């Protein structure tokens, strides 16, 4: 997403399909959700709409799950929709 925001300025919207777990690089170490949201807010200078789709049973079981919260906030902060299944 960070890459796309800095390269596709003419885009009107993005759709992110994810398990909702931002990680550091290609590792399994979870990244700071607040820090990731701040970075995306900073990089979205062209106000591109960001829509999110959460995939996995975690989304159906518990809306207080950090993965659920991350994708929901990401879409809300960028005028997008959030769907989980």
Protein backbone atom coordinates (compact mmCIF):
# COMPACT_ATOMS: atom_id res chain seq x y z
CA UNK A 1 0.00 0.00 0.00
CA UNK A 2 2.82 2.35 0.86
CA UNK A 3 4.41 1.63 -2.53
CA UNK A 4 1.14 2.20 -4.39
CA UNK A 5 0.42 5.49 -2.61
CA UNK A 6 3.76 6.94 -3.67
CA UNK A 7 3.56 5.76 -7.30
CA UNK A 8 -0.05 5.81 -8.52
CA UNK A 9 -1.10 9.43 -8.00
CA UNK A 10 -3.88 9.26 -10.58
CA UNK A 11 -5.68 6.40 -8.82
CA UNK A 12 -9.04 7.20 -7.31
CA UNK A 13 -9.22 4.24 -4.95
CA UNK A 14 -7.44 1.12 -3.75
CA UNK A 15 -8.85 -2.15 -2.46
CA UNK A 16 -6.77 -3.93 0.18
CA UNK A 17 -7.45 -7.64 0.65
CA UNK A 18 -5.73 -8.79 3.84
CA UNK A 19 -5.73 -10.90 6.97
CA UNK A 20 -5.28 -7.57 8.73
CA UNK A 21 -1.90 -8.22 10.27
CA UNK A 22 0.65 -5.58 9.28
CA UNK A 23 4.12 -7.04 9.60
CA UNK A 24 7.64 -5.66 9.50
CA UNK A 25 9.02 -6.32 6.02
CA UNK A 26 8.69 -9.96 5.04
CA UNK A 27 8.97 -11.20 8.62
CA UNK A 28 6.32 -12.61 10.91
CA UNK A 29 6.88 -9.82 13.44
CA UNK A 30 3.78 -7.65 13.81
CA UNK A 31 4.18 -3.96 13.15
CA UNK A 32 2.74 -1.13 15.27
CA UNK A 33 -0.81 -0.61 13.96
CA UNK A 34 -0.91 3.05 14.99
CA UNK A 35 2.42 3.69 13.33
CA UNK A 36 1.28 2.03 10.10
CA UNK A 37 -1.93 4.11 10.05
CA UNK A 38 0.06 7.31 10.61
CA UNK A 39 2.46 6.42 7.80
CA UNK A 40 -0.38 5.75 5.39
CA UNK A 41 -2.12 8.99 6.38
CA UNK A 42 1.10 10.86 5.67
CA UNK A 43 1.67 9.17 2.30
CA UNK A 44 -1.91 9.52 1.04
CA UNK A 45 -1.35 13.10 -0.12
CA UNK A 46 -3.77 12.75 -3.04
CA UNK A 47 -6.65 11.58 -0.81
CA UNK A 48 -7.05 8.25 -2.56
CA UNK A 49 -9.98 6.25 -1.18
CA UNK A 50 -8.81 3.07 0.55
CA UNK A 51 -11.25 0.17 0.81
CA UNK A 52 -10.43 -2.89 2.89
CA UNK A 53 -11.54 -6.51 2.83
CA UNK A 54 -10.69 -8.64 5.85
CA UNK A 55 -10.30 -12.36 5.19
CA UNK A 56 -10.27 -15.03 7.87
CA UNK A 57 -12.25 -16.42 10.75
CA UNK A 58 -10.80 -13.84 13.18
CA UNK A 59 -12.98 -11.20 11.53
CA UNK A 60 -16.17 -13.15 12.08
CA UNK A 61 -15.44 -14.05 15.70
CA UNK A 62 -14.31 -10.83 17.30
CA UNK A 63 -14.63 -7.22 16.13
CA UNK A 64 -12.33 -6.12 18.98
CA UNK A 65 -9.46 -8.05 17.37
CA UNK A 66 -6.54 -5.70 16.47
CA UNK A 67 -6.57 -7.02 12.87
CA UNK A 68 -10.24 -6.13 12.51
CA UNK A 69 -9.71 -2.72 14.08
CA UNK A 70 -6.72 -1.99 11.82
CA UNK A 71 -8.56 -2.64 8.55
CA UNK A 72 -11.71 -0.88 9.75
CA UNK A 73 -9.78 2.23 10.81
CA UNK A 74 -7.74 2.22 7.62
CA UNK A 75 -10.88 2.32 5.49
CA UNK A 76 -12.62 4.88 7.73
CA UNK A 77 -9.65 7.25 7.70
CA UNK A 78 -9.60 7.20 3.89
CA UNK A 79 -13.33 7.36 3.09
CA UNK A 80 -13.52 3.72 2.09
CA UNK A 81 -15.60 0.69 2.93
CA UNK A 82 -14.71 -2.26 5.13
CA UNK A 83 -16.01 -5.79 4.57
CA UNK A 84 -15.02 -8.90 6.49
CA UNK A 85 -15.63 -12.56 5.73
